[in-house]
Amino acid sequence: MQSQLDDIKLMQRIAARDQTAFRALYQQYGKAVYSLAYRVLQNGTLAEEVTQDTFLKVWQQKTQWDPNKGKLKNWLLAITHFTAIDRLRQERRQPALYPESIEDMEDMAQAVATEPLWQEGTVLRMLVTQLPDDMALLIELAFFRGMSHSEIASETHIPLGTVKTRLRTGLQRLREQWLEAVNRTSTHP
């Protein structure tokens, strides 16, 4: 059990940019933060993003914990709650996420990639240019440069959950565009 004094020392080390302390904070409280985010959002991907956003706020010192006002865990959960509520409001203004997992979308991408026109790459690159810039960039990094999701998140400074969501949505749109292109070429020789 983490004591108040241990939490104070941990937060002092984080303020001094100690990544080991930050990792320890995440290991100690990450599950509780994720659980609350998931309860509010009812979506694993969004809960991951809120969890990352919560810890990012702590790392960037956007808000300071005052040990005289309460426990560190309660402070983290308050940040999580407000972040999750903000995210929930944002998602209600946007279309729902596609239900496919990122792994399913990657499987689809590999299956489609065996087709001759797709292997050429020219059709794919043309279709990618029709995507929104943020999705096109992530697909470029993942599939043309071979970067992992974590590497993309690090390179672009975008939370890992957001990278996965944008890739999933981008791949879904690419699949739709590909199927339209295939249908056009099969009906118009």
C-alpha atoms as a PDB file:
ATOM      1  CA  MET A   1       0.000   0.000   0.000  1.00  0.00           C
ATOM      2  CA  GLN A   2       1.365   3.355  -1.048  1.00  0.00           C
ATOM      3  CA  SER A   3       1.610   5.882   1.802  1.00  0.00           C
ATOM      4  CA  GLN A   4       0.965   9.613   1.514  1.00  0.00           C
ATOM      5  CA  LEU A   5       4.681  10.256   2.130  1.00  0.00           C
ATOM      6  CA  ASP A   6       5.619   7.826  -0.675  1.00  0.00           C
ATOM      7  CA  ASP A   7       3.185   9.595  -3.008  1.00  0.00           C
ATOM      8  CA  ILE A   8       4.685  13.000  -2.134  1.00  0.00           C
ATOM      9  CA  LYS A   9       8.207  11.735  -2.912  1.00  0.00           C
ATOM     10  CA  LEU A  10       6.981  10.129  -6.123  1.00  0.00           C
ATOM     11  CA  MET A  11       5.363  13.344  -7.324  1.00  0.00           C
ATOM     12  CA  GLN A  12       8.493  15.342  -6.439  1.00  0.00           C
ATOM     13  CA  ARG A  13      10.551  12.982  -8.586  1.00  0.00           C
ATOM     14  CA  ILE A  14       8.031  13.327 -11.437  1.00  0.00           C
ATOM     15  CA  ALA A  15       8.251  17.126 -11.161  1.00  0.00           C
ATOM     16  CA  ALA A  16      12.030  16.666 -11.575  1.00  0.00           C
ATOM     17  CA  ARG A  17      11.265  14.726 -14.828  1.00  0.00           C
ATOM     18  CA  ASP A  18      12.199  11.302 -13.417  1.00  0.00           C
ATOM     19  CA  GLN A  19      10.789   8.806 -15.919  1.00  0.00           C
ATOM     20  CA  THR A  20      11.276   5.906 -13.526  1.00  0.00           C
ATOM     21  CA  ALA A  21       9.027   7.649 -11.019  1.00  0.00           C
ATOM     22  CA  PHE A  22       6.476   8.307 -13.740  1.00  0.00           C
ATOM     23  CA  ARG A  23       6.515   4.630 -14.678  1.00  0.00           C
ATOM     24  CA  ALA A  24       6.028   3.751 -10.995  1.00  0.00           C
ATOM     25  CA  LEU A  25       3.055   6.126 -10.811  1.00  0.00           C
ATOM     26  CA  TYR A  26       1.498   4.450 -13.819  1.00  0.00           C
ATOM     27  CA  GLN A  27       2.112   0.971 -12.411  1.00  0.00           C
ATOM     28  CA  GLN A  28       0.603   1.971  -9.077  1.00  0.00           C
ATOM     29  CA  TYR A  29      -2.501   3.785 -10.359  1.00  0.00           C
ATOM     30  CA  GLY A  30      -2.883   2.929 -14.055  1.00  0.00           C
ATOM     31  CA  LYS A  31      -5.475   0.187 -13.523  1.00  0.00           C
ATOM     32  CA  ALA A  32      -7.665   2.383 -11.322  1.00  0.00           C
ATOM     33  CA  VAL A  33      -7.479   5.243 -13.831  1.00  0.00           C
ATOM     34  CA  TYR A  34      -8.303   2.949 -16.752  1.00  0.00           C
ATOM     35  CA  SER A  35     -11.182   1.312 -14.833  1.00  0.00           C
ATOM     36  CA  LEU A  36     -12.818   4.647 -14.100  1.00  0.00           C
ATOM     37  CA  ALA A  37     -12.328   5.836 -17.685  1.00  0.00           C
ATOM     38  CA  TYR A  38     -13.866   2.608 -18.968  1.00  0.00           C
ATOM     39  CA  ARG A  39     -16.858   2.911 -16.620  1.00  0.00           C
ATOM     40  CA  VAL A  40     -17.556   6.404 -17.913  1.00  0.00           C
ATOM     41  CA  LEU A  41     -16.932   5.721 -21.611  1.00  0.00           C
ATOM     42  CA  GLN A  42     -17.862   2.042 -22.032  1.00  0.00           C
ATOM     43  CA  ASN A  43     -15.212   1.789 -24.737  1.00  0.00           C
ATOM     44  CA  GLY A  44     -11.770   0.239 -24.297  1.00  0.00           C
ATOM     45  CA  THR A  45     -10.001   2.327 -26.927  1.00  0.00           C
ATOM     46  CA  LEU A  46     -11.363   5.597 -25.576  1.00  0.00           C
ATOM     47  CA  ALA A  47     -10.571   4.510 -22.012  1.00  0.00           C
ATOM     48  CA  GLU A  48      -6.954   3.877 -23.081  1.00  0.00           C
ATOM     49  CA  GLU A  49      -6.788   7.347 -24.599  1.00  0.00           C
ATOM     50  CA  VAL A  50      -8.223   8.982 -21.480  1.00  0.00           C
ATOM     51  CA  THR A  51      -5.779   7.028 -19.324  1.00  0.00           C
ATOM     52  CA  GLN A  52      -2.899   8.273 -21.458  1.00  0.00           C
ATOM     53  CA  ASP A  53      -4.243  11.815 -21.428  1.00  0.00           C
ATOM     54  CA  THR A  54      -4.584  11.718 -17.632  1.00  0.00           C
ATOM     55  CA  PHE A  55      -0.989  10.620 -17.088  1.00  0.00           C
ATOM     56  CA  LEU A  56       0.225  13.021 -19.764  1.00  0.00           C
ATOM     57  CA  LYS A  57      -1.380  15.898 -17.839  1.00  0.00           C
ATOM     58  CA  VAL A  58       0.478  14.775 -14.734  1.00  0.00           C
ATOM     59  CA  TRP A  59       3.787  14.505 -16.594  1.00  0.00           C
ATOM     60  CA  GLN A  60       3.354  17.893 -18.249  1.00  0.00           C
ATOM     61  CA  GLN A  61       2.456  19.431 -14.884  1.00  0.00           C
ATOM     62  CA  LYS A  62      -0.768  20.903 -16.257  1.00  0.00           C
ATOM     63  CA  THR A  63      -2.245  20.533 -12.788  1.00  0.00           C
ATOM     64  CA  GLN A  64      -0.587  20.133  -9.410  1.00  0.00           C
ATOM     65  CA  TRP A  65      -1.490  17.719  -6.640  1.00  0.00           C
ATOM     66  CA  ASP A  66      -1.821  19.241  -3.185  1.00  0.00           C
ATOM     67  CA  PRO A  67      -1.307  16.501  -0.573  1.00  0.00           C
ATOM     68  CA  ASN A  68      -3.120  18.666   2.004  1.00  0.00           C
ATOM     69  CA  LYS A  69      -6.335  18.420  -0.032  1.00  0.00           C
ATOM     70  CA  GLY A  70      -6.490  14.663  -0.444  1.00  0.00           C
ATOM     71  CA  LYS A  71      -4.905  11.441  -1.597  1.00  0.00           C
ATOM     72  CA  LEU A  72      -2.965  11.190  -4.835  1.00  0.00           C
ATOM     73  CA  LYS A  73      -5.220   8.397  -6.097  1.00  0.00           C
ATOM     74  CA  ASN A  74      -8.348  10.515  -5.579  1.00  0.00           C
ATOM     75  CA  TRP A  75      -6.714  13.441  -7.389  1.00  0.00           C
ATOM     76  CA  LEU A  76      -5.777  11.200 -10.325  1.00  0.00           C
ATOM     77  CA  LEU A  77      -9.304   9.803 -10.450  1.00  0.00           C
ATOM     78  CA  ALA A  78     -10.763  13.320 -10.451  1.00  0.00           C
ATOM     79  CA  ILE A  79      -8.563  14.236 -13.434  1.00  0.00           C
ATOM     80  CA  THR A  80      -9.600  10.989 -15.105  1.00  0.00           C
ATOM     81  CA  HIS A  81     -13.285  11.659 -14.501  1.00  0.00           C
ATOM     82  CA  PHE A  82     -13.178  15.153 -15.987  1.00  0.00           C
ATOM     83  CA  THR A  83     -11.060  13.979 -18.929  1.00  0.00           C
ATOM     84  CA  ALA A  84     -13.455  11.091 -19.609  1.00  0.00           C
ATOM     85  CA  ILE A  85     -16.513  13.345 -19.425  1.00  0.00           C
ATOM     86  CA  ASP A  86     -14.873  15.775 -21.859  1.00  0.00           C
ATOM     87  CA  ARG A  87     -14.073  12.876 -24.185  1.00  0.00           C
ATOM     88  CA  LEU A  88     -17.628  11.528 -23.918  1.00  0.00           C
ATOM     89  CA  ARG A  89     -19.010  14.917 -24.929  1.00  0.00           C
ATOM     90  CA  GLN A  90     -16.565  15.070 -27.827  1.00  0.00           C
ATOM     91  CA  GLU A  91     -17.502  11.568 -29.044  1.00  0.00           C
ATOM     92  CA  ARG A  92     -21.218  12.358 -28.969  1.00  0.00           C
ATOM     93  CA  ARG A  93     -20.558  15.121 -31.475  1.00  0.00           C
ATOM     94  CA  GLN A  94     -18.665  12.753 -33.767  1.00  0.00           C
ATOM     95  CA  PRO A  95     -19.708   9.608 -35.620  1.00  0.00           C
ATOM     96  CA  ALA A  96     -19.348   6.325 -33.746  1.00  0.00           C
ATOM     97  CA  LEU A  97     -16.118   4.392 -34.106  1.00  0.00           C
ATOM     98  CA  TYR A  98     -16.011   1.374 -36.341  1.00  0.00           C
ATOM     99  CA  PRO A  99     -16.405  -1.770 -34.238  1.00  0.00           C
ATOM    100  CA  GLU A 100     -13.593  -3.752 -35.872  1.00  0.00           C
ATOM    101  CA  SER A 101     -10.437  -4.208 -33.851  1.00  0.00           C
ATOM    102  CA  ILE A 102      -7.181  -2.884 -35.235  1.00  0.00           C
ATOM    103  CA  GLU A 103      -5.978  -6.485 -35.599  1.00  0.00           C
ATOM    104  CA  ASP A 104      -8.991  -7.317 -37.810  1.00  0.00           C
ATOM    105  CA  MET A 105      -8.273  -4.281 -39.939  1.00  0.00           C
ATOM    106  CA  GLU A 106      -4.626  -5.288 -40.319  1.00  0.00           C
ATOM    107  CA  ASP A 107      -5.737  -8.781 -41.387  1.00  0.00           C
ATOM    108  CA  MET A 108      -8.006  -7.191 -43.982  1.00  0.00           C
ATOM    109  CA  ALA A 109      -5.135  -5.002 -45.187  1.00  0.00           C
ATOM    110  CA  GLN A 110      -2.891  -8.041 -45.603  1.00  0.00           C
ATOM    111  CA  ALA A 111      -5.607  -9.971 -47.480  1.00  0.00           C
ATOM    112  CA  VAL A 112      -6.301  -7.111 -49.863  1.00  0.00           C
ATOM    113  CA  ALA A 113      -2.561  -6.586 -50.340  1.00  0.00           C
ATOM    114  CA  THR A 114      -2.298  -9.906 -52.192  1.00  0.00           C
ATOM    115  CA  GLU A 115      -4.302  -8.526 -55.123  1.00  0.00           C
ATOM    116  CA  PRO A 116      -2.095  -7.464 -58.093  1.00  0.00           C
ATOM    117  CA  LEU A 117      -3.398  -3.890 -58.363  1.00  0.00           C
ATOM    118  CA  TRP A 118      -2.892  -3.368 -54.649  1.00  0.00           C
ATOM    119  CA  GLN A 119       0.644  -4.757 -54.782  1.00  0.00           C
ATOM    120  CA  GLU A 120       1.508  -2.181 -57.407  1.00  0.00           C
ATOM    121  CA  GLY A 121       1.093   0.439 -54.730  1.00  0.00           C
ATOM    122  CA  THR A 122      -0.049   3.164 -57.096  1.00  0.00           C
ATOM    123  CA  VAL A 123      -3.728   2.520 -56.435  1.00  0.00           C
ATOM    124  CA  LEU A 124      -3.121   2.397 -52.700  1.00  0.00           C
ATOM    125  CA  ARG A 125      -1.168   5.646 -52.665  1.00  0.00           C
ATOM    126  CA  MET A 126      -3.875   7.322 -54.728  1.00  0.00           C
ATOM    127  CA  LEU A 127      -6.564   6.119 -52.314  1.00  0.00           C
ATOM    128  CA  VAL A 128      -4.539   7.235 -49.291  1.00  0.00           C
ATOM    129  CA  THR A 129      -4.406  10.774 -50.698  1.00  0.00           C
ATOM    130  CA  GLN A 130      -8.206  10.860 -50.521  1.00  0.00           C
ATOM    131  CA  LEU A 131      -8.150  10.336 -46.738  1.00  0.00           C
ATOM    132  CA  PRO A 132      -8.007  13.171 -44.205  1.00  0.00           C
ATOM    133  CA  ASP A 133      -4.402  14.282 -43.653  1.00  0.00           C
ATOM    134  CA  ASP A 134      -4.170  12.938 -40.094  1.00  0.00           C
ATOM    135  CA  MET A 135      -5.240   9.433 -41.172  1.00  0.00           C
ATOM    136  CA  ALA A 136      -3.110   9.488 -44.325  1.00  0.00           C
ATOM    137  CA  LEU A 137      -0.009  10.377 -42.309  1.00  0.00           C
ATOM    138  CA  LEU A 138      -0.542   7.521 -39.857  1.00  0.00           C
ATOM    139  CA  ILE A 139      -1.166   5.003 -42.661  1.00  0.00           C
ATOM    140  CA  GLU A 140       1.958   6.248 -44.419  1.00  0.00           C
ATOM    141  CA  LEU A 141       4.010   5.727 -41.256  1.00  0.00           C
ATOM    142  CA  ALA A 142       2.488   2.307 -40.455  1.00  0.00           C
ATOM    143  CA  PHE A 143       2.309   0.662 -43.857  1.00  0.00           C
ATOM    144  CA  PHE A 144       4.833   2.439 -46.059  1.00  0.00           C
ATOM    145  CA  ARG A 145       7.519   3.032 -43.424  1.00  0.00           C
ATOM    146  CA  GLY A 146       6.754  -0.026 -41.287  1.00  0.00           C
ATOM    147  CA  MET A 147       6.519   1.791 -37.959  1.00  0.00           C
ATOM    148  CA  SER A 148       4.739   0.180 -35.000  1.00  0.00           C
ATOM    149  CA  HIS A 149       1.800   1.896 -33.322  1.00  0.00           C
ATOM    150  CA  SER A 150       4.031   2.833 -30.371  1.00  0.00           C
ATOM    151  CA  GLU A 151       6.680   4.276 -32.675  1.00  0.00           C
ATOM    152  CA  ILE A 152       4.034   6.324 -34.482  1.00  0.00           C
ATOM    153  CA  ALA A 153       2.670   7.634 -31.183  1.00  0.00           C
ATOM    154  CA  SER A 154       6.162   8.632 -30.108  1.00  0.00           C
ATOM    155  CA  GLU A 155       7.053  10.192 -33.465  1.00  0.00           C
ATOM    156  CA  THR A 156       3.826  12.193 -33.843  1.00  0.00           C
ATOM    157  CA  HIS A 157       3.209  12.947 -30.155  1.00  0.00           C
ATOM    158  CA  ILE A 158      -0.299  11.514 -30.508  1.00  0.00           C
ATOM    159  CA  PRO A 159      -1.633   9.216 -27.750  1.00  0.00           C
ATOM    160  CA  LEU A 160      -1.353   5.530 -28.653  1.00  0.00           C
ATOM    161  CA  GLY A 161      -5.119   4.998 -28.450  1.00  0.00           C
ATOM    162  CA  THR A 162      -5.698   7.861 -30.853  1.00  0.00           C
ATOM    163  CA  VAL A 163      -3.136   6.391 -33.268  1.00  0.00           C
ATOM    164  CA  LYS A 164      -4.967   3.054 -33.179  1.00  0.00           C
ATOM    165  CA  THR A 165      -8.371   4.697 -33.621  1.00  0.00           C
ATOM    166  CA  ARG A 166      -7.243   6.807 -36.579  1.00  0.00           C
ATOM    167  CA  LEU A 167      -5.521   3.835 -38.208  1.00  0.00           C
ATOM    168  CA  ARG A 168      -8.621   1.693 -37.752  1.00  0.00           C
ATOM    169  CA  THR A 169     -10.867   4.361 -39.217  1.00  0.00           C
ATOM    170  CA  GLY A 170      -8.417   5.073 -42.044  1.00  0.00           C
ATOM    171  CA  LEU A 171      -8.141   1.399 -42.942  1.00  0.00           C
ATOM    172  CA  GLN A 172     -11.914   1.062 -42.933  1.00  0.00           C
ATOM    173  CA  ARG A 173     -12.179   3.994 -45.329  1.00  0.00           C
ATOM    174  CA  LEU A 174      -9.424   2.561 -47.504  1.00  0.00           C
ATOM    175  CA  ARG A 175     -11.276  -0.734 -47.660  1.00  0.00           C
ATOM    176  CA  GLU A 176     -14.475   1.039 -48.727  1.00  0.00           C
ATOM    177  CA  GLN A 177     -12.585   3.034 -51.360  1.00  0.00           C
ATOM    178  CA  TRP A 178     -10.802  -0.097 -52.566  1.00  0.00           C
ATOM    179  CA  LEU A 179     -14.056  -2.025 -52.924  1.00  0.00           C
ATOM    180  CA  GLU A 180     -15.556   0.867 -54.891  1.00  0.00           C
ATOM    181  CA  ALA A 181     -12.498   0.931 -57.172  1.00  0.00           C
ATOM    182  CA  VAL A 182     -12.644  -2.847 -57.672  1.00  0.00           C
ATOM    183  CA  ASN A 183     -16.393  -2.670 -58.441  1.00  0.00           C
ATOM    184  CA  ARG A 184     -15.820   0.128 -60.965  1.00  0.00           C
ATOM    185  CA  THR A 185     -13.094  -1.796 -62.773  1.00  0.00           C
ATOM    186  CA  SER A 186     -15.068  -5.068 -62.787  1.00  0.00           C
ATOM    187  CA  THR A 187     -18.231  -3.431 -64.196  1.00  0.00           C
ATOM    188  CA  HIS A 188     -16.314  -1.232 -66.685  1.00  0.00           C
ATOM    189  CA  PRO A 189     -13.679  -3.341 -68.477  1.00  0.00           C
END
